[in-house]
Amino acid sequence: MRALVAGIGLGLSQPADTLPRSLAPVDTLVRVVPCPGVRRAAVTTILFAGNSVTKERILRAELDFREGDTLALADLSARLEANRRRLFNLQLFHSVVVQASCGNGGLLVVFGVQERWYTFPVPILSLADRNLRAWSERPDRWRRIDYGIHLSQYNFRGRNEQVLANLQLGFNRKYELFYEAPGLGTYRRLGLGAGFSFSQSRTVDYKTQADQLVPLQADAGFPIQRFYATAGLRLRHTVQFLTALDASYHRERINDSTNYYNPNYYLGRIQREFLDLTLTSTNNKRNTFAYPLTGQYAQARLTHRMFLDETTPDITTLRLKYARYIALGRGFYYAAGLSGQARLARRLAYADTRALGYEDLVRGYDEYVIDGRHYGLVQQGVSYQLLRPASIRIKALGNDKINTIPLALYLNIFADAGYVAAGAVLPQNRLPNQLLRAVGLGLHLVTYYDRVFTAEYTLNGLGQTGYFFRTDFPI
């Protein structure tokens, strides 16, 4: 790819010493060719190489400079690196490199990208539970398997749009289609999203007992069915800063048995309809989005739920999340995250009391769920880089989009703490209104297409230990 960029530059009849054959040294992704006696220079040309699918205007919209802008050469390397990361964090490319050189009285800036594979038809073979530990505790676990196909089309039309579709059969059935355009127009600032989902399950977790979900399985049919349709707008300030406003319609139905055994599941109803209005603001300043080592992340989400029966009280939910990542030197990195939820309503159905153990989790409590209105979670860890980011090239595969496997490995020691505030709690549930804490040791593998795999050994506040496997970065 670097040779391709250099070739484009040479084709512009620049002086031979201004655009060397190799775009950048091995140890850097940014190259600034010295311009003797020049302190500031105007950008005369911006070129892109390697973007055979991605439209050039999509890339130009991410840059914070244009042709005609005058840049100071003293901080040009830092400026180019910031823009290189903007392009890389679009998550459209395996790598991005950049070079600037002087010629014809101005700056020539060349970005070289290596595109990923964008179409993924992935077979679905998954467990119909929250995690592996919860699945293994089920007596009917071998029936609780889902299968089908998940289709992801990233960078649709070369405009960084996404189309996601699910056809899932087996224990749970799901039919979904979603479209996401993070930015439209010349400056890619205003975008939209839309989609629908219909799901059916052969079992429903109708209550929480001993801090674990209790399933109810129907002899025939599906004890719970859900449908929703959503649409929304996105205000994309930068690739790092996004505000989204979404409206969605939901229709949910349970069978008579579920309502009989837990009349509070939907507050005495077997069907409910509601509208959700959600405002989400995300500021993502991590150095990379897959496995961040430096930077920070902040998100605030406010959701107001209005039930259409005119008797069920509305629910307002505020969720906050903040994380900070710091390089400590000598291969050590520190990460800390804070997250929490506040839920306001006169009454809550059982289905609306989810707190820890669902999206957010105190590691080591994987087999438990803790229900309540409000919660707080603190996570922190120190990682040591066992294997620096490197690539394994499979020569038998001729396609550059899939024949290079990136690998990085980190040893991680961590500590989590969480608390769920709940009102009336069934006596058999002991974890609400209690401090939850855990420590552990883990291995984190970062590889293909931003995939992160973790293996952890954890000791929780109940004195229980266990091994856990996850497929995302925990903080």
Protein backbone atom coordinates (compact mmCIF):
# COMPACT_ATOMS: atom_id res chain seq x y z
CA MET A 1 0.00 0.00 0.00
CA ARG A 2 2.85 2.37 0.82
CA ALA A 3 4.39 1.71 -2.57
CA LEU A 4 1.04 2.54 -4.18
CA VAL A 5 0.93 5.89 -2.40
CA ALA A 6 4.48 6.66 -3.41
CA GLY A 7 3.65 5.78 -7.00
CA ILE A 8 0.75 8.22 -7.06
CA GLY A 9 3.02 10.97 -5.77
CA LEU A 10 5.66 10.28 -8.39
CA GLY A 11 2.99 10.49 -11.05
CA LEU A 12 2.48 14.15 -10.13
CA SER A 13 6.00 15.02 -11.34
CA GLN A 14 7.18 16.08 -7.88
CA PRO A 15 10.93 16.30 -7.31
CA ALA A 16 12.37 12.85 -6.74
CA ASP A 17 13.49 13.60 -3.18
CA THR A 18 10.08 14.85 -1.99
CA LEU A 19 8.18 11.58 -2.15
CA PRO A 20 10.40 8.59 -1.45
CA ARG A 21 9.47 5.11 -2.60
CA SER A 22 8.63 4.01 0.96
CA LEU A 23 5.86 6.14 2.44
CA ALA A 24 6.94 5.77 6.05
CA PRO A 25 9.58 4.07 8.16
CA VAL A 26 8.58 0.76 9.71
CA ASP A 27 8.15 2.28 13.18
CA THR A 28 5.74 5.06 12.21
CA LEU A 29 2.60 5.63 10.17
CA VAL A 30 3.26 9.35 9.59
CA ARG A 31 6.03 10.79 7.42
CA VAL A 32 6.82 14.45 6.92
CA VAL A 33 9.53 15.12 4.33
CA PRO A 34 11.63 18.10 5.54
CA CYS A 35 11.03 21.46 3.86
CA PRO A 36 14.21 23.51 4.52
CA GLY A 37 13.61 27.15 5.45
CA VAL A 38 9.80 26.81 5.51
CA ARG A 39 7.77 27.40 8.69
CA ARG A 40 4.25 27.51 7.27
CA ALA A 41 2.92 26.23 3.98
CA ALA A 42 -0.41 26.05 2.20
CA VAL A 43 -1.93 22.67 1.39
CA THR A 44 -2.09 22.51 -2.38
CA THR A 45 -3.16 18.89 -2.89
CA ILE A 46 -4.74 16.12 -0.77
CA LEU A 47 -4.70 12.65 -2.30
CA PHE A 48 -6.04 9.27 -1.21
CA ALA A 49 -4.75 5.89 -2.33
CA GLY A 50 -6.15 2.41 -1.77
CA ASN A 51 -9.81 3.42 -1.39
CA SER A 52 -11.22 1.35 -4.24
CA VAL A 53 -14.64 1.06 -2.53
CA THR A 54 -14.79 4.02 -0.17
CA LYS A 55 -15.83 7.32 -1.75
CA GLU A 56 -13.19 10.02 -1.47
CA ARG A 57 -15.67 12.59 -0.19
CA ILE A 58 -16.32 10.34 2.83
CA LEU A 59 -12.65 10.56 3.74
CA ARG A 60 -12.30 14.26 3.03
CA ALA A 61 -15.19 15.02 5.38
CA GLU A 62 -13.20 13.56 8.30
CA LEU A 63 -10.17 15.84 7.87
CA ASP A 64 -9.81 19.08 9.81
CA PHE A 65 -7.97 20.82 6.96
CA ARG A 66 -8.65 21.41 3.26
CA GLU A 67 -6.73 22.49 0.17
CA GLY A 68 -5.83 26.14 0.60
CA ASP A 69 -5.40 25.95 4.40
CA THR A 70 -2.02 27.05 5.74
CA LEU A 71 -0.40 24.70 8.25
CA ALA A 72 2.53 25.21 10.60
CA LEU A 73 5.26 22.68 9.84
CA ALA A 74 6.42 22.61 13.49
CA ASP A 75 3.31 20.66 14.56
CA LEU A 76 2.48 19.11 11.20
CA SER A 77 3.33 15.57 12.32
CA ALA A 78 0.89 15.79 15.25
CA ARG A 79 -1.79 17.29 13.01
CA LEU A 80 -1.41 14.52 10.45
CA GLU A 81 -1.46 11.84 13.14
CA ALA A 82 -4.72 13.22 14.55
CA ASN A 83 -6.29 13.10 11.08
CA ARG A 84 -4.85 9.64 10.39
CA ARG A 85 -6.58 8.39 13.54
CA ARG A 86 -9.85 10.00 12.44
CA LEU A 87 -9.75 7.92 9.28
CA PHE A 88 -8.62 4.75 11.08
CA ASN A 89 -11.39 5.05 13.67
CA LEU A 90 -13.99 4.94 10.93
CA GLN A 91 -13.26 1.21 11.27
CA LEU A 92 -13.23 0.83 7.49
CA PHE A 93 -9.52 0.12 7.07
CA HIS A 94 -6.89 -2.32 8.31
CA SER A 95 -4.34 0.50 8.32
CA VAL A 96 -3.93 4.16 7.40
CA VAL A 97 -0.63 5.88 6.61
CA VAL A 98 0.06 9.49 5.64
CA GLN A 99 2.88 11.54 4.15
CA ALA A 100 3.36 15.25 3.57
CA SER A 101 5.99 16.77 1.29
CA CYS A 102 6.83 20.18 -0.17
CA GLY A 103 6.59 20.90 -3.86
CA ASN A 104 5.55 23.70 -6.19
CA GLY A 105 5.33 26.16 -3.29
CA GLY A 106 2.93 24.15 -1.14
CA LEU A 107 2.21 20.90 0.71
CA LEU A 108 1.23 17.64 -0.95
CA VAL A 109 -0.55 15.36 1.56
CA VAL A 110 -1.15 11.72 0.64
CA PHE A 111 -3.23 9.30 2.74
CA GLY A 112 -2.88 5.60 1.99
CA VAL A 113 -5.53 3.17 3.25
CA GLN A 114 -5.90 -0.59 3.16
CA GLU A 115 -9.59 -1.44 2.96
CA ARG A 116 -11.22 -4.22 4.89
CA TRP A 117 -13.65 -6.83 3.72
CA TYR A 118 -17.09 -5.28 4.10
CA THR A 119 -19.61 -8.09 3.47
CA PHE A 120 -20.03 -10.68 6.22
CA PRO A 121 -22.61 -13.45 5.91
CA VAL A 122 -22.01 -15.13 9.28
CA PRO A 123 -23.77 -18.33 10.37
CA ILE A 124 -25.59 -18.02 13.70
CA LEU A 125 -24.87 -20.76 16.20
CA SER A 126 -25.32 -19.26 19.64
CA LEU A 127 -26.58 -19.97 23.13
CA ALA A 128 -30.03 -18.73 24.08
CA ASP A 129 -28.79 -17.25 27.38
CA ARG A 130 -26.95 -14.21 28.71
CA ASN A 131 -23.56 -15.96 28.86
CA LEU A 132 -21.87 -19.36 28.89
CA ARG A 133 -22.20 -19.80 32.64
CA ALA A 134 -25.95 -19.10 32.62
CA TRP A 135 -26.41 -21.53 29.71
CA SER A 136 -24.46 -24.34 31.38
CA GLU A 137 -26.72 -24.17 34.46
CA ARG A 138 -29.88 -24.89 32.43
CA PRO A 139 -31.13 -28.51 32.52
CA ASP A 140 -32.38 -28.18 28.92
CA ARG A 141 -29.26 -26.39 27.69
CA TRP A 142 -28.85 -28.49 24.52
CA ARG A 143 -32.27 -27.35 23.33
CA ARG A 144 -31.39 -23.73 24.05
CA ILE A 145 -29.36 -23.16 20.88
CA ASP A 146 -30.13 -20.67 18.13
CA TYR A 147 -29.07 -20.99 14.49
CA GLY A 148 -29.49 -18.99 11.32
CA ILE A 149 -27.57 -16.34 9.42
CA HIS A 150 -26.45 -12.83 10.28
CA LEU A 151 -25.62 -10.55 7.35
CA SER A 152 -23.57 -7.39 7.84
CA GLN A 153 -22.84 -5.04 4.96
CA TYR A 154 -20.42 -2.38 6.15
CA ASN A 155 -19.40 0.62 4.04
CA PHE A 156 -22.54 0.14 1.95
CA ARG A 157 -22.28 2.04 -1.36
CA GLY A 158 -18.81 3.14 -0.25
CA ARG A 159 -20.38 5.75 2.03
CA ASN A 160 -19.76 4.22 5.48
CA GLU A 161 -23.38 3.13 5.69
CA GLN A 162 -24.39 -0.14 7.35
CA VAL A 163 -27.07 -2.71 6.56
CA LEU A 164 -27.64 -5.43 9.15
CA ALA A 165 -30.03 -8.37 8.77
CA ASN A 166 -30.78 -11.36 10.99
CA LEU A 167 -32.63 -14.56 10.17
CA GLN A 168 -32.51 -16.64 13.33
CA LEU A 169 -34.30 -19.91 13.99
CA GLY A 170 -33.95 -22.56 16.67
CA PHE A 171 -34.87 -22.00 20.32
CA ASN A 172 -35.48 -18.30 19.73
CA ARG A 173 -36.67 -16.84 16.45
CA LYS A 174 -35.66 -13.41 15.29
CA TYR A 175 -36.20 -11.48 12.07
CA GLU A 176 -34.42 -8.12 11.86
CA LEU A 177 -33.34 -5.49 9.35
CA PHE A 178 -31.50 -2.26 10.19
CA TYR A 179 -29.98 0.56 8.15
CA GLU A 180 -27.56 3.13 9.52
CA ALA A 181 -26.16 6.18 7.72
CA PRO A 182 -23.94 8.03 10.21
CA GLY A 183 -23.52 11.04 7.93
CA LEU A 184 -25.09 12.37 4.75
CA GLY A 185 -24.38 15.40 2.60
CA THR A 186 -21.15 17.18 1.76
CA TYR A 187 -19.88 17.52 5.31
CA ARG A 188 -21.35 14.24 6.61
CA ARG A 189 -22.86 15.88 9.65
CA LEU A 190 -26.50 14.76 9.54
CA GLY A 191 -27.37 11.07 9.37
CA LEU A 192 -30.23 8.69 10.01
CA GLY A 193 -31.03 5.19 11.17
CA ALA A 194 -34.07 2.92 10.81
CA GLY A 195 -35.05 -0.68 11.28
CA PHE A 196 -37.41 -3.26 12.73
CA SER A 197 -37.21 -6.41 14.82
CA PHE A 198 -39.63 -9.29 15.49
CA SER A 199 -38.66 -12.01 17.95
CA GLN A 200 -40.26 -15.06 19.55
CA SER A 201 -38.89 -17.22 22.35
CA ARG A 202 -39.88 -20.67 23.51
CA THR A 203 -39.16 -19.70 27.09
CA VAL A 204 -39.49 -16.58 29.20
CA ASP A 205 -37.57 -15.72 32.35
CA TYR A 206 -40.64 -14.78 34.36
CA LYS A 207 -39.10 -14.01 37.77
CA THR A 208 -35.84 -13.66 39.71
CA GLN A 209 -35.24 -16.12 42.53
CA ALA A 210 -32.00 -16.53 44.50
CA ASP A 211 -30.64 -13.76 42.23
CA GLN A 212 -31.05 -15.98 39.17
CA LEU A 213 -33.56 -15.92 36.34
CA VAL A 214 -36.26 -18.58 36.49
CA PRO A 215 -37.48 -19.75 33.07
CA LEU A 216 -41.01 -20.74 32.13
CA GLN A 217 -41.30 -22.91 29.06
CA ALA A 218 -44.49 -23.34 27.07
CA ASP A 219 -45.65 -26.75 25.90
CA ALA A 220 -46.66 -25.18 22.61
CA GLY A 221 -46.18 -21.82 20.98
CA PHE A 222 -44.07 -18.94 22.25
CA PRO A 223 -44.65 -17.54 25.76
CA ILE A 224 -43.23 -14.14 24.75
CA GLN A 225 -43.18 -12.19 21.49
CA ARG A 226 -41.72 -8.78 20.81
CA PHE A 227 -41.90 -6.36 17.89
CA TYR A 228 -40.42 -2.92 17.49
CA ALA A 229 -39.73 -0.42 14.74
CA THR A 230 -37.33 2.47 15.12
CA ALA A 231 -36.16 5.56 13.25
CA GLY A 232 -33.91 8.42 14.21
CA LEU A 233 -31.56 11.24 13.31
CA ARG A 234 -27.83 11.55 13.98
CA LEU A 235 -25.91 14.78 14.37
CA ARG A 236 -22.31 13.84 13.69
CA HIS A 237 -20.06 16.60 14.95
CA THR A 238 -16.91 14.54 14.21
CA VAL A 239 -16.09 10.85 13.89
CA GLN A 240 -15.63 10.98 17.68
CA PHE A 241 -18.63 13.07 18.75
CA LEU A 242 -22.16 11.95 17.88
CA THR A 243 -25.63 12.92 19.07
CA ALA A 244 -28.59 10.68 18.20
CA LEU A 245 -32.35 11.13 18.61
CA ASP A 246 -34.45 7.97 18.14
CA ALA A 247 -38.15 7.19 18.32
CA SER A 248 -39.38 3.61 18.48
CA TYR A 249 -42.70 1.79 18.72
CA HIS A 250 -42.84 -1.44 20.76
CA ARG A 251 -45.47 -4.17 21.08
CA GLU A 252 -44.84 -7.01 23.52
CA ARG A 253 -47.02 -9.98 24.46
CA ILE A 254 -46.77 -12.81 27.00
CA ASN A 255 -48.97 -15.87 27.42
CA ASP A 256 -51.52 -16.41 30.18
CA SER A 257 -49.22 -18.71 32.14
CA THR A 258 -46.54 -16.06 32.47
CA ASN A 259 -49.10 -13.55 33.73
CA TYR A 260 -50.52 -16.14 36.14
CA TYR A 261 -47.18 -17.03 37.75
CA ASN A 262 -45.99 -13.41 37.85
CA PRO A 263 -48.84 -10.89 37.59
CA ASN A 264 -46.28 -8.11 37.94
CA TYR A 265 -44.46 -9.08 34.75
CA TYR A 266 -46.46 -6.48 32.76
CA LEU A 267 -48.45 -5.09 35.72
CA GLY A 268 -51.35 -7.49 35.19
CA ARG A 269 -51.45 -7.28 31.40
CA ILE A 270 -50.55 -9.90 28.79
CA GLN A 271 -49.84 -7.28 26.12
CA ARG A 272 -48.44 -3.77 26.19
CA GLU A 273 -47.57 -1.09 23.67
CA PHE A 274 -45.33 1.89 24.22
CA LEU A 275 -43.23 4.57 22.55
CA ASP A 276 -39.61 5.26 23.46
CA LEU A 277 -37.93 8.60 22.81
CA THR A 278 -34.17 8.36 23.29
CA LEU A 279 -31.50 11.05 23.18
CA THR A 280 -27.90 9.75 23.16
CA SER A 281 -24.72 11.79 23.15
CA THR A 282 -21.37 10.01 22.71
CA ASN A 283 -17.90 11.53 22.85
CA ASN A 284 -15.35 8.86 21.94
CA LYS A 285 -11.77 10.11 22.22
CA ARG A 286 -10.07 6.73 22.60
CA ASN A 287 -6.96 6.11 20.54
CA THR A 288 -8.64 3.07 19.00
CA PHE A 289 -12.23 1.97 19.40
CA ALA A 290 -11.61 -1.80 19.62
CA TYR A 291 -9.01 -2.07 22.40
CA PRO A 292 -8.25 1.43 23.69
CA LEU A 293 -5.00 2.15 25.52
CA THR A 294 -5.17 5.95 25.82
CA GLY A 295 -7.88 8.59 25.70
CA GLN A 296 -11.37 8.77 27.16
CA TYR A 297 -14.98 7.86 26.42
CA ALA A 298 -18.20 9.46 27.64
CA GLN A 299 -21.84 8.68 26.86
CA ALA A 300 -25.14 9.97 28.21
CA ARG A 301 -28.50 8.41 27.27
CA LEU A 302 -31.92 9.71 28.28
CA THR A 303 -35.01 7.61 27.46
CA HIS A 304 -38.65 8.49 28.10
CA ARG A 305 -41.14 5.65 27.74
CA MET A 306 -44.85 6.41 27.18
CA PHE A 307 -47.35 3.55 27.40
CA LEU A 308 -50.30 3.68 25.03
CA ASP A 309 -52.86 2.21 27.45
CA GLU A 310 -53.03 5.59 29.27
CA THR A 311 -52.97 3.89 32.69
CA THR A 312 -49.45 2.47 33.00
CA PRO A 313 -47.18 5.22 34.36
CA ASP A 314 -44.39 6.60 32.16
CA ILE A 315 -40.76 5.67 32.80
CA THR A 316 -37.75 7.98 32.48
CA THR A 317 -34.29 6.39 32.44
CA LEU A 318 -30.91 8.13 32.49
CA ARG A 319 -27.75 6.14 31.79
CA LEU A 320 -24.24 7.55 32.08
CA LYS A 321 -20.88 6.04 31.22
CA TYR A 322 -17.34 7.39 31.43
CA ALA A 323 -14.00 5.64 30.88
CA ARG A 324 -10.40 6.81 30.97
CA TYR A 325 -7.34 5.07 29.52
CA ILE A 326 -3.76 5.97 30.50
CA ALA A 327 -0.39 4.72 29.27
CA LEU A 328 1.83 4.09 32.30
CA GLY A 329 5.00 3.32 30.33
CA ARG A 330 7.12 0.18 29.89
CA GLY A 331 4.20 -1.69 28.34
CA PHE A 332 1.74 -1.01 31.19
CA TYR A 333 -1.69 0.60 30.71
CA TYR A 334 -4.42 1.62 33.16
CA ALA A 335 -8.16 1.74 32.44
CA ALA A 336 -11.02 2.86 34.67
CA GLY A 337 -14.72 3.03 33.92
CA LEU A 338 -17.78 4.42 35.69
CA SER A 339 -21.35 3.66 34.64
CA GLY A 340 -24.74 4.06 36.22
CA GLN A 341 -28.49 4.20 35.77
CA ALA A 342 -31.29 6.18 37.37
CA ARG A 343 -34.87 5.09 36.59
CA LEU A 344 -37.86 7.20 37.60
CA ALA A 345 -41.45 5.91 37.63
CA ARG A 346 -44.38 5.59 40.03
CA ARG A 347 -44.54 1.85 39.40
CA LEU A 348 -42.34 -0.56 37.50
CA ALA A 349 -43.26 -3.84 35.85
CA TYR A 350 -40.91 -6.75 36.53
CA ALA A 351 -39.72 -6.56 32.92
CA ASP A 352 -38.50 -2.98 33.53
CA THR A 353 -36.40 -3.63 36.66
CA ARG A 354 -33.25 -4.84 34.94
CA ALA A 355 -30.05 -3.48 36.45
CA LEU A 356 -26.72 -5.33 36.75
CA GLY A 357 -26.11 -8.68 35.08
CA TYR A 358 -27.61 -7.70 31.73
CA GLU A 359 -25.79 -5.01 29.73
CA ASP A 360 -23.53 -3.98 32.62
CA LEU A 361 -21.88 -6.55 34.85
CA VAL A 362 -19.67 -6.89 37.89
CA ARG A 363 -17.28 -9.52 36.55
CA GLY A 364 -17.45 -12.75 38.53
CA TYR A 365 -21.22 -12.46 39.05
CA ASP A 366 -22.00 -13.82 35.58
CA GLU A 367 -24.56 -16.37 36.80
CA TYR A 368 -26.53 -13.74 38.73
CA VAL A 369 -28.86 -10.87 37.87
CA ILE A 370 -29.59 -7.99 40.21
CA ASP A 371 -32.88 -6.17 39.68
CA GLY A 372 -33.66 -2.65 40.81
CA ARG A 373 -34.30 0.94 39.77
CA HIS A 374 -30.82 2.44 40.06
CA TYR A 375 -27.27 1.13 39.92
CA GLY A 376 -23.65 2.19 39.85
CA LEU A 377 -20.64 0.29 38.56
CA VAL A 378 -16.88 0.94 38.89
CA GLN A 379 -14.36 -1.06 36.86
CA GLN A 380 -10.61 -0.68 36.70
CA GLY A 381 -7.67 -2.68 35.50
CA VAL A 382 -3.97 -2.62 34.66
CA SER A 383 -2.80 -4.32 31.46
CA TYR A 384 0.68 -5.39 30.45
CA GLN A 385 1.49 -5.86 26.79
CA LEU A 386 2.76 -9.42 26.36
CA LEU A 387 2.74 -9.31 22.57
CA ARG A 388 3.09 -6.02 20.73
CA PRO A 389 0.67 -5.51 17.83
CA ALA A 390 2.00 -7.62 14.97
CA SER A 391 0.60 -9.28 11.88
CA ILE A 392 0.65 -12.81 10.57
CA ARG A 393 0.48 -13.00 6.80
CA ILE A 394 -1.11 -16.05 5.19
CA LYS A 395 0.57 -16.28 1.79
CA ALA A 396 -1.91 -18.87 0.51
CA LEU A 397 -4.64 -16.21 0.56
CA GLY A 398 -4.19 -13.70 -2.25
CA ASN A 399 -6.67 -11.12 -0.98
CA ASP A 400 -5.01 -8.39 1.11
CA LYS A 401 -8.29 -7.76 2.91
CA ILE A 402 -8.23 -11.14 4.66
CA ASN A 403 -4.71 -12.56 4.42
CA THR A 404 -3.17 -10.48 7.20
CA ILE A 405 -4.15 -11.39 10.77
CA PRO A 406 -3.27 -8.75 13.38
CA LEU A 407 -2.43 -10.05 16.85
CA ALA A 408 -1.84 -8.37 20.21
CA LEU A 409 -1.92 -9.98 23.66
CA TYR A 410 -2.31 -8.33 27.07
CA LEU A 411 -2.17 -9.64 30.64
CA ASN A 412 -4.76 -7.85 32.76
CA ILE A 413 -5.44 -7.59 36.49
CA PHE A 414 -8.73 -5.96 37.44
CA ALA A 415 -11.14 -5.04 40.23
CA ASP A 416 -14.87 -4.29 39.91
CA ALA A 417 -17.47 -2.94 42.34
CA GLY A 418 -21.18 -2.32 41.88
CA TYR A 419 -24.36 -1.50 43.78
CA VAL A 420 -28.04 -1.82 42.88
CA ALA A 421 -30.61 0.28 44.74
CA ALA A 422 -33.97 -1.47 44.90
CA GLY A 423 -37.17 -0.95 46.84
CA ALA A 424 -39.11 -3.98 48.02
CA VAL A 425 -36.96 -7.06 47.44
CA LEU A 426 -38.03 -10.69 47.70
CA PRO A 427 -36.27 -12.28 50.69
CA GLN A 428 -34.66 -14.97 48.52
CA ASN A 429 -32.77 -12.31 46.53
CA ARG A 430 -29.76 -11.19 48.56
CA LEU A 431 -27.72 -9.13 46.09
CA PRO A 432 -29.86 -5.96 45.67
CA ASN A 433 -28.89 -3.18 48.10
CA GLN A 434 -25.54 -4.91 48.70
CA LEU A 435 -22.02 -3.96 47.64
CA LEU A 436 -20.83 -6.29 44.88
CA ARG A 437 -17.08 -6.64 44.40
CA ALA A 438 -14.66 -8.84 42.51
CA VAL A 439 -11.00 -9.12 41.54
CA GLY A 440 -9.46 -11.16 38.78
CA LEU A 441 -6.76 -11.92 36.27
CA GLY A 442 -7.29 -12.11 32.53
CA LEU A 443 -5.75 -12.52 29.09
CA HIS A 444 -6.97 -10.25 26.28
CA LEU A 445 -6.40 -11.19 22.65
CA VAL A 446 -6.97 -8.51 19.98
CA THR A 447 -7.19 -9.76 16.42
CA TYR A 448 -9.12 -9.78 13.13
CA TYR A 449 -11.52 -6.91 12.41
CA ASP A 450 -11.39 -5.38 15.89
CA ARG A 451 -12.27 -8.65 17.60
CA VAL A 452 -11.34 -8.91 21.28
CA PHE A 453 -11.38 -12.23 23.14
CA THR A 454 -10.87 -12.39 26.90
CA ALA A 455 -10.29 -15.28 29.29
CA GLU A 456 -10.59 -14.39 32.99
CA TYR A 457 -10.24 -15.99 36.39
CA THR A 458 -12.31 -14.14 38.99
CA LEU A 459 -12.93 -14.12 42.76
CA ASN A 460 -16.19 -12.38 43.71
CA GLY A 461 -17.47 -11.00 47.01
CA LEU A 462 -19.37 -14.21 47.73
CA GLY A 463 -16.09 -16.12 47.87
CA GLN A 464 -16.82 -17.85 44.58
CA THR A 465 -14.21 -18.34 41.87
CA GLY A 466 -14.58 -19.20 38.21
CA TYR A 467 -13.27 -18.96 34.67
CA PHE A 468 -15.12 -16.71 32.23
CA PHE A 469 -14.80 -16.06 28.52
CA ARG A 470 -15.97 -12.88 26.79
CA THR A 471 -15.86 -11.40 23.32
CA ASP A 472 -15.45 -7.69 23.99
CA PHE A 473 -13.26 -5.23 25.85
CA PRO A 474 -14.68 -5.12 29.40
CA ILE A 475 -14.19 -1.39 30.08
